Amino acid sequence: TALWWAITTATTIGYGDVIPKTEIGRGAAIILMLLGI
């Protein structure tokens, strides 16, 4: 599930079926957003 979330976030698709709720998860999301851009 985490790998699916990481790929969809990095490709800037972000289906929203899995979302981060912790600070570490949100930090990982920021890294992936910058990576995708």
All heavy atoms as atom14 arrays in JSON, in Angstrom:
{
  "sequence": "TALWWAITTATTIGYGDVIPKTEIGRGAAIILMLLGI",
  "atom14_mask": [
    [1, 1, 1, 1, 1, 1, 1, 0, 0, 0, 0, 0, 0, 0],
    [1, 1, 1, 1, 1, 0, 0, 0, 0, 0, 0, 0, 0, 0],
    [1, 1, 1, 1, 1, 1, 1, 1, 0, 0, 0, 0, 0, 0],
    [1, 1, 1, 1, 1, 1, 1, 1, 1, 1, 1, 1, 1, 1],
    [1, 1, 1, 1, 1, 1, 1, 1, 1, 1, 1, 1, 1, 1],
    [1, 1, 1, 1, 1, 0, 0, 0, 0, 0, 0, 0, 0, 0],
    [1, 1, 1, 1, 1, 1, 1, 1, 0, 0, 0, 0, 0, 0],
    [1, 1, 1, 1, 1, 1, 1, 0, 0, 0, 0, 0, 0, 0],
    [1, 1, 1, 1, 1, 1, 1, 0, 0, 0, 0, 0, 0, 0],
    [1, 1, 1, 1, 1, 0, 0, 0, 0, 0, 0, 0, 0, 0],
    [1, 1, 1, 1, 1, 1, 1, 0, 0, 0, 0, 0, 0, 0],
    [1, 1, 1, 1, 1, 1, 1, 0, 0, 0, 0, 0, 0, 0],
    [1, 1, 1, 1, 1, 1, 1, 1, 0, 0, 0, 0, 0, 0],
    [1, 1, 1, 1, 0, 0, 0, 0, 0, 0, 0, 0, 0, 0],
    [1, 1, 1, 1, 1, 1, 1, 1, 1, 1, 1, 1, 0, 0],
    [1, 1, 1, 1, 0, 0, 0, 0, 0, 0, 0, 0, 0, 0],
    [1, 1, 1, 1, 1, 1, 1, 1, 0, 0, 0, 0, 0, 0],
    [1, 1, 1, 1, 1, 1, 1, 0, 0, 0, 0, 0, 0, 0],
    [1, 1, 1, 1, 1, 1, 1, 1, 0, 0, 0, 0, 0, 0],
    [1, 1, 1, 1, 1, 1, 1, 0, 0, 0, 0, 0, 0, 0],
    [1, 1, 1, 1, 1, 1, 1, 1, 1, 0, 0, 0, 0, 0],
    [1, 1, 1, 1, 1, 1, 1, 0, 0, 0, 0, 0, 0, 0],
    [1, 1, 1, 1, 1, 1, 1, 1, 1, 0, 0, 0, 0, 0],
    [1, 1, 1, 1, 1, 1, 1, 1, 0, 0, 0, 0, 0, 0],
    [1, 1, 1, 1, 0, 0, 0, 0, 0, 0, 0, 0, 0, 0],
    [1, 1, 1, 1, 1, 1, 1, 1, 1, 1, 1, 0, 0, 0],
    [1, 1, 1, 1, 0, 0, 0, 0, 0, 0, 0, 0, 0, 0],
    [1, 1, 1, 1, 1, 0, 0, 0, 0, 0, 0, 0, 0, 0],
    [1, 1, 1, 1, 1, 0, 0, 0, 0, 0, 0, 0, 0, 0],
    [1, 1, 1, 1, 1, 1, 1, 1, 0, 0, 0, 0, 0, 0],
    [1, 1, 1, 1, 1, 1, 1, 1, 0, 0, 0, 0, 0, 0],
    [1, 1, 1, 1, 1, 1, 1, 1, 0, 0, 0, 0, 0, 0],
    [1, 1, 1, 1, 1, 1, 1, 1, 0, 0, 0, 0, 0, 0],
    [1, 1, 1, 1, 1, 1, 1, 1, 0, 0, 0, 0, 0, 0],
    [1, 1, 1, 1, 1, 1, 1, 1, 0, 0, 0, 0, 0, 0],
    [1, 1, 1, 1, 0, 0, 0, 0, 0, 0, 0, 0, 0, 0],
    [1, 1, 1, 1, 1, 1, 1, 1, 0, 0, 0, 0, 0, 0]
  ],
  "atom14_positions": [
    [[0.83, -1.21, 0.0], [0.0, 0.0, 0.0], [0.86, 1.26, 0.0], [0.58, 2.23, -0.72], [-0.92, 0.0, 1.23], [-1.76, -1.15, 1.19], [-1.79, 1.25, 1.27], [0.0, 0.0, 0.0], [0.0, 0.0, 0.0], [0.0, 0.0, 0.0], [0.0, 0.0, 0.0], [0.0, 0.0, 0.0], [0.0, 0.0, 0.0], [0.0, 0.0, 0.0]],
    [[1.93, 1.23, 0.8], [2.82, 2.38, 0.88], [3.52, 2.63, -0.45], [3.7, 3.78, -0.87], [3.86, 2.16, 1.98], [0.0, 0.0, 0.0], [0.0, 0.0, 0.0], [0.0, 0.0, 0.0], [0.0, 0.0, 0.0], [0.0, 0.0, 0.0], [0.0, 0.0, 0.0], [0.0, 0.0, 0.0], [0.0, 0.0, 0.0], [0.0, 0.0, 0.0]],
    [[3.9, 1.56, -1.14], [4.57, 1.71, -2.43], [3.61, 2.28, -3.47], [3.99, 3.13, -4.28], [5.11, 0.36, -2.89], [6.03, 0.36, -4.12], [7.26, 1.21, -3.84], [6.45, -1.07, -4.47], [0.0, 0.0, 0.0], [0.0, 0.0, 0.0], [0.0, 0.0, 0.0], [0.0, 0.0, 0.0], [0.0, 0.0, 0.0], [0.0, 0.0, 0.0]],
    [[2.37, 1.82, -3.44], [1.34, 2.38, -4.34], [1.15, 3.86, -4.08], [1.09, 4.66, -5.02], [0.02, 1.63, -4.13], [-1.19, 2.33, -4.66], [-2.14, 3.01, -3.94], [-1.57, 2.47, -6.03], [-3.09, 3.55, -4.76], [-2.79, 3.22, -6.07], [-1.04, 2.02, -7.24], [-3.44, 3.53, -7.24], [-1.7, 2.33, -8.42], [-2.89, 3.08, -8.41]],
    [[1.08, 4.24, -2.81], [0.93, 5.65, -2.45], [2.13, 6.46, -2.93], [1.98, 7.57, -3.48], [0.78, 5.78, -0.94], [0.92, 7.19, -0.45], [-0.05, 8.15, -0.42], [2.11, 7.81, 0.04], [0.46, 9.32, 0.07], [1.77, 9.15, 0.36], [3.41, 7.36, 0.26], [2.71, 10.04, 0.88], [4.35, 8.24, 0.76], [3.99, 9.57, 1.08]],
    [[3.34, 5.92, -2.75], [4.57, 6.64, -3.13], [4.61, 6.87, -4.64], [4.98, 7.96, -5.1], [5.79, 5.86, -2.67], [0.0, 0.0, 0.0], [0.0, 0.0, 0.0], [0.0, 0.0, 0.0], [0.0, 0.0, 0.0], [0.0, 0.0, 0.0], [0.0, 0.0, 0.0], [0.0, 0.0, 0.0], [0.0, 0.0, 0.0], [0.0, 0.0, 0.0]],
    [[4.23, 5.87, -5.41], [4.28, 6.0, -6.88], [3.26, 7.01, -7.37], [3.56, 7.87, -8.21], [4.05, 4.63, -7.55], [5.23, 3.69, -7.24], [3.89, 4.79, -9.06], [5.02, 2.27, -7.71], [0.0, 0.0, 0.0], [0.0, 0.0, 0.0], [0.0, 0.0, 0.0], [0.0, 0.0, 0.0], [0.0, 0.0, 0.0], [0.0, 0.0, 0.0]],
    [[2.03, 6.94, -6.85], [0.99, 7.88, -7.29], [1.32, 9.31, -6.86], [1.02, 10.26, -7.58], [-0.38, 7.49, -6.71], [-0.3, 7.4, -5.27], [-0.84, 6.16, -7.28], [0.0, 0.0, 0.0], [0.0, 0.0, 0.0], [0.0, 0.0, 0.0], [0.0, 0.0, 0.0], [0.0, 0.0, 0.0], [0.0, 0.0, 0.0], [0.0, 0.0, 0.0]],
    [[1.96, 9.46, -5.72], [2.34, 10.8, -5.26], [3.49, 11.35, -6.1], [3.48, 12.52, -6.49], [2.75, 10.77, -3.78], [1.68, 10.23, -2.99], [3.08, 12.16, -3.28], [0.0, 0.0, 0.0], [0.0, 0.0, 0.0], [0.0, 0.0, 0.0], [0.0, 0.0, 0.0], [0.0, 0.0, 0.0], [0.0, 0.0, 0.0], [0.0, 0.0, 0.0]],
    [[4.48, 10.52, -6.38], [5.65, 10.96, -7.15], [5.27, 11.33, -8.58], [5.86, 12.23, -9.18], [6.72, 9.88, -7.17], [0.0, 0.0, 0.0], [0.0, 0.0, 0.0], [0.0, 0.0, 0.0], [0.0, 0.0, 0.0], [0.0, 0.0, 0.0], [0.0, 0.0, 0.0], [0.0, 0.0, 0.0], [0.0, 0.0, 0.0], [0.0, 0.0, 0.0]],
    [[4.27, 10.64, -9.13], [3.83, 10.94, -10.5], [2.82, 12.08, -10.53], [2.25, 12.38, -11.59], [3.19, 9.69, -11.15], [2.16, 9.17, -10.3], [4.24, 8.6, -11.37], [0.0, 0.0, 0.0], [0.0, 0.0, 0.0], [0.0, 0.0, 0.0], [0.0, 0.0, 0.0], [0.0, 0.0, 0.0], [0.0, 0.0, 0.0], [0.0, 0.0, 0.0]],
    [[2.6, 12.71, -9.38], [1.69, 13.87, -9.21], [0.24, 13.52, -9.54], [-0.56, 14.41, -9.84], [2.13, 15.08, -10.07], [1.96, 14.76, -11.45], [3.58, 15.44, -9.81], [0.0, 0.0, 0.0], [0.0, 0.0, 0.0], [0.0, 0.0, 0.0], [0.0, 0.0, 0.0], [0.0, 0.0, 0.0], [0.0, 0.0, 0.0], [0.0, 0.0, 0.0]],
    [[-0.12, 12.24, -9.5], [-1.51, 11.83, -9.74], [-2.31, 11.97, -8.45], [-3.3, 12.68, -8.38], [-1.57, 10.38, -10.26], [-0.91, 10.29, -11.63], [-3.03, 9.91, -10.34], [-0.81, 8.89, -12.17], [0.0, 0.0, 0.0], [0.0, 0.0, 0.0], [0.0, 0.0, 0.0], [0.0, 0.0, 0.0], [0.0, 0.0, 0.0], [0.0, 0.0, 0.0]],
    [[-1.84, 11.28, -7.39], [-2.47, 11.41, -6.09], [-3.95, 11.11, -6.07], [-4.78, 12.01, -6.02], [0.0, 0.0, 0.0], [0.0, 0.0, 0.0], [0.0, 0.0, 0.0], [0.0, 0.0, 0.0], [0.0, 0.0, 0.0], [0.0, 0.0, 0.0], [0.0, 0.0, 0.0], [0.0, 0.0, 0.0], [0.0, 0.0, 0.0], [0.0, 0.0, 0.0]],
    [[-4.3, 9.83, -6.1], [-5.71, 9.44, -6.12], [-6.45, 9.84, -4.84], [-7.65, 10.04, -4.85], [-5.83, 7.93, -6.34], [-5.55, 7.51, -7.75], [-4.38, 6.84, -8.08], [-6.45, 7.79, -8.78], [-4.11, 6.45, -9.38], [-6.19, 7.41, -10.09], [-5.01, 6.75, -10.38], [-4.75, 6.38, -11.67], [0.0, 0.0, 0.0], [0.0, 0.0, 0.0]],
    [[-5.75, 9.92, -3.74], [-6.38, 10.28, -2.48], [-6.96, 9.11, -1.72], [-7.59, 9.3, -0.68], [0.0, 0.0, 0.0], [0.0, 0.0, 0.0], [0.0, 0.0, 0.0], [0.0, 0.0, 0.0], [0.0, 0.0, 0.0], [0.0, 0.0, 0.0], [0.0, 0.0, 0.0], [0.0, 0.0, 0.0], [0.0, 0.0, 0.0], [0.0, 0.0, 0.0]],
    [[-6.75, 7.87, -2.25], [-7.26, 6.7, -1.54], [-6.44, 6.4, -0.29], [-6.93, 5.8, 0.66], [-7.28, 5.48, -2.46], [-5.93, 5.22, -3.11], [-5.1, 6.16, -3.15], [-5.69, 4.08, -3.56], [0.0, 0.0, 0.0], [0.0, 0.0, 0.0], [0.0, 0.0, 0.0], [0.0, 0.0, 0.0], [0.0, 0.0, 0.0], [0.0, 0.0, 0.0]],
    [[-5.16, 6.84, -0.3], [-4.29, 6.7, 0.87], [-3.65, 8.06, 1.13], [-3.07, 8.66, 0.22], [-3.18, 5.65, 0.63], [-2.34, 5.47, 1.88], [-3.78, 4.32, 0.18], [0.0, 0.0, 0.0], [0.0, 0.0, 0.0], [0.0, 0.0, 0.0], [0.0, 0.0, 0.0], [0.0, 0.0, 0.0], [0.0, 0.0, 0.0], [0.0, 0.0, 0.0]],
    [[-3.78, 8.55, 2.35], [-3.24, 9.87, 2.68], [-2.42, 9.79, 3.96], [-2.73, 8.99, 4.85], [-4.36, 10.92, 2.84], [-5.33, 10.49, 3.94], [-5.08, 11.15, 1.53], [-6.37, 11.55, 4.27], [0.0, 0.0, 0.0], [0.0, 0.0, 0.0], [0.0, 0.0, 0.0], [0.0, 0.0, 0.0], [0.0, 0.0, 0.0], [0.0, 0.0, 0.0]],
    [[-1.36, 10.6, 4.06], [-0.54, 10.6, 5.29], [-1.23, 11.36, 6.42], [-1.85, 12.39, 6.19], [0.74, 11.3, 4.84], [0.3, 12.2, 3.73], [-0.82, 11.49, 3.03], [0.0, 0.0, 0.0], [0.0, 0.0, 0.0], [0.0, 0.0, 0.0], [0.0, 0.0, 0.0], [0.0, 0.0, 0.0], [0.0, 0.0, 0.0], [0.0, 0.0, 0.0]],
    [[-1.09, 10.83, 7.62], [-1.69, 11.47, 8.78], [-0.65, 11.83, 9.84], [-0.96, 12.56, 10.77], [-2.74, 10.54, 9.4], [-3.89, 10.22, 8.45], [-4.88, 9.26, 9.08], [-6.02, 8.92, 8.11], [-6.98, 7.95, 8.69], [0.0, 0.0, 0.0], [0.0, 0.0, 0.0], [0.0, 0.0, 0.0], [0.0, 0.0, 0.0], [0.0, 0.0, 0.0]],
    [[0.56, 11.3, 9.69], [1.63, 11.58, 10.64], [2.61, 12.57, 10.04], [2.63, 12.8, 8.82], [2.37, 10.28, 11.03], [3.02, 9.76, 9.86], [1.41, 9.25, 11.57], [0.0, 0.0, 0.0], [0.0, 0.0, 0.0], [0.0, 0.0, 0.0], [0.0, 0.0, 0.0], [0.0, 0.0, 0.0], [0.0, 0.0, 0.0], [0.0, 0.0, 0.0]],
    [[3.47, 13.15, 10.9], [4.46, 14.11, 10.42], [5.47, 13.43, 9.49], [5.89, 14.02, 8.49], [5.17, 14.76, 11.61], [4.26, 15.6, 12.49], [3.61, 16.73, 11.72], [4.26, 17.29, 10.82], [2.44, 17.05, 12.01], [0.0, 0.0, 0.0], [0.0, 0.0, 0.0], [0.0, 0.0, 0.0], [0.0, 0.0, 0.0], [0.0, 0.0, 0.0]],
    [[5.88, 12.21, 9.84], [6.84, 11.49, 8.99], [6.22, 11.2, 7.63], [6.86, 11.37, 6.59], [7.3, 10.19, 9.68], [8.09, 10.51, 10.94], [8.13, 9.34, 8.73], [8.52, 9.28, 11.71], [0.0, 0.0, 0.0], [0.0, 0.0, 0.0], [0.0, 0.0, 0.0], [0.0, 0.0, 0.0], [0.0, 0.0, 0.0], [0.0, 0.0, 0.0]],
    [[4.96, 10.78, 7.62], [4.28, 10.5, 6.36], [4.15, 11.74, 5.51], [4.34, 11.69, 4.28], [0.0, 0.0, 0.0], [0.0, 0.0, 0.0], [0.0, 0.0, 0.0], [0.0, 0.0, 0.0], [0.0, 0.0, 0.0], [0.0, 0.0, 0.0], [0.0, 0.0, 0.0], [0.0, 0.0, 0.0], [0.0, 0.0, 0.0], [0.0, 0.0, 0.0]],
    [[3.84, 12.86, 6.12], [3.71, 14.11, 5.36], [5.07, 14.56, 4.84], [5.17, 15.12, 3.74], [3.09, 15.18, 6.24], [1.61, 14.92, 6.53], [1.07, 15.82, 7.61], [-0.33, 15.51, 7.9], [-0.99, 15.96, 8.97], [-0.35, 16.74, 9.85], [-2.25, 15.63, 9.15], [0.0, 0.0, 0.0], [0.0, 0.0, 0.0], [0.0, 0.0, 0.0]],
    [[6.11, 14.34, 5.65], [7.46, 14.67, 5.18], [7.85, 13.84, 3.97], [8.44, 14.35, 3.01], [0.0, 0.0, 0.0], [0.0, 0.0, 0.0], [0.0, 0.0, 0.0], [0.0, 0.0, 0.0], [0.0, 0.0, 0.0], [0.0, 0.0, 0.0], [0.0, 0.0, 0.0], [0.0, 0.0, 0.0], [0.0, 0.0, 0.0], [0.0, 0.0, 0.0]],
    [[7.49, 12.55, 4.0], [7.75, 11.69, 2.85], [6.98, 12.17, 1.63], [7.48, 12.13, 0.5], [7.38, 10.24, 3.19], [0.0, 0.0, 0.0], [0.0, 0.0, 0.0], [0.0, 0.0, 0.0], [0.0, 0.0, 0.0], [0.0, 0.0, 0.0], [0.0, 0.0, 0.0], [0.0, 0.0, 0.0], [0.0, 0.0, 0.0], [0.0, 0.0, 0.0]],
    [[5.75, 12.65, 1.85], [4.93, 13.15, 0.74], [5.56, 14.38, 0.1], [5.58, 14.51, -1.13], [3.53, 13.48, 1.24], [0.0, 0.0, 0.0], [0.0, 0.0, 0.0], [0.0, 0.0, 0.0], [0.0, 0.0, 0.0], [0.0, 0.0, 0.0], [0.0, 0.0, 0.0], [0.0, 0.0, 0.0], [0.0, 0.0, 0.0], [0.0, 0.0, 0.0]],
    [[6.11, 15.27, 0.92], [6.77, 16.47, 0.39], [7.96, 16.09, -0.47], [8.17, 16.65, -1.57], [7.2, 17.39, 1.55], [5.97, 17.96, 2.26], [8.1, 18.52, 1.04], [6.29, 18.75, 3.52], [0.0, 0.0, 0.0], [0.0, 0.0, 0.0], [0.0, 0.0, 0.0], [0.0, 0.0, 0.0], [0.0, 0.0, 0.0], [0.0, 0.0, 0.0]],
    [[8.75, 15.12, 0.01], [9.91, 14.66, -0.76], [9.47, 14.12, -2.12], [10.07, 14.42, -3.16], [10.68, 13.58, 0.02], [11.29, 14.18, 1.29], [11.77, 12.94, -0.85], [11.91, 13.15, 2.21], [0.0, 0.0, 0.0], [0.0, 0.0, 0.0], [0.0, 0.0, 0.0], [0.0, 0.0, 0.0], [0.0, 0.0, 0.0], [0.0, 0.0, 0.0]],
    [[8.4, 13.33, -2.13], [7.91, 12.74, -3.37], [7.34, 13.79, -4.32], [7.49, 13.69, -5.54], [6.85, 11.68, -3.05], [7.37, 10.39, -2.42], [6.23, 9.51, -1.98], [8.26, 9.64, -3.41], [0.0, 0.0, 0.0], [0.0, 0.0, 0.0], [0.0, 0.0, 0.0], [0.0, 0.0, 0.0], [0.0, 0.0, 0.0], [0.0, 0.0, 0.0]],
    [[6.68, 14.8, -3.77], [6.15, 15.87, -4.62], [7.28, 16.59, -5.33], [7.22, 16.85, -6.54], [5.35, 16.87, -3.77], [4.05, 16.32, -3.2], [3.27, 17.55, -2.12], [2.21, 16.5, -1.12], [0.0, 0.0, 0.0], [0.0, 0.0, 0.0], [0.0, 0.0, 0.0], [0.0, 0.0, 0.0], [0.0, 0.0, 0.0], [0.0, 0.0, 0.0]],
    [[8.33, 16.95, -4.58], [9.48, 17.63, -5.18], [10.17, 16.74, -6.2], [10.61, 17.2, -7.26], [10.47, 18.05, -4.08], [9.95, 19.09, -3.08], [10.98, 19.32, -1.99], [9.62, 20.4, -3.79], [0.0, 0.0, 0.0], [0.0, 0.0, 0.0], [0.0, 0.0, 0.0], [0.0, 0.0, 0.0], [0.0, 0.0, 0.0], [0.0, 0.0, 0.0]],
    [[10.24, 15.45, -5.87], [10.85, 14.48, -6.8], [10.06, 14.43, -8.1], [10.65, 14.45, -9.19], [10.88, 13.1, -6.15], [11.39, 11.96, -7.04], [12.9, 12.05, -7.19], [11.01, 10.61, -6.44], [0.0, 0.0, 0.0], [0.0, 0.0, 0.0], [0.0, 0.0, 0.0], [0.0, 0.0, 0.0], [0.0, 0.0, 0.0], [0.0, 0.0, 0.0]],
    [[8.73, 14.37, -7.99], [7.89, 14.28, -9.18], [8.0, 15.51, -10.05], [8.11, 15.42, -11.28], [0.0, 0.0, 0.0], [0.0, 0.0, 0.0], [0.0, 0.0, 0.0], [0.0, 0.0, 0.0], [0.0, 0.0, 0.0], [0.0, 0.0, 0.0], [0.0, 0.0, 0.0], [0.0, 0.0, 0.0], [0.0, 0.0, 0.0], [0.0, 0.0, 0.0]],
    [[8.0, 16.69, -9.41], [8.12, 17.95, -10.17], [9.46, 17.99, -10.9], [9.55, 18.36, -12.08], [7.97, 19.16, -9.24], [6.54, 19.22, -8.68], [8.31, 20.45, -9.97], [6.35, 20.25, -7.59], [0.0, 0.0, 0.0], [0.0, 0.0, 0.0], [0.0, 0.0, 0.0], [0.0, 0.0, 0.0], [0.0, 0.0, 0.0], [0.0, 0.0, 0.0]]
  ]
}
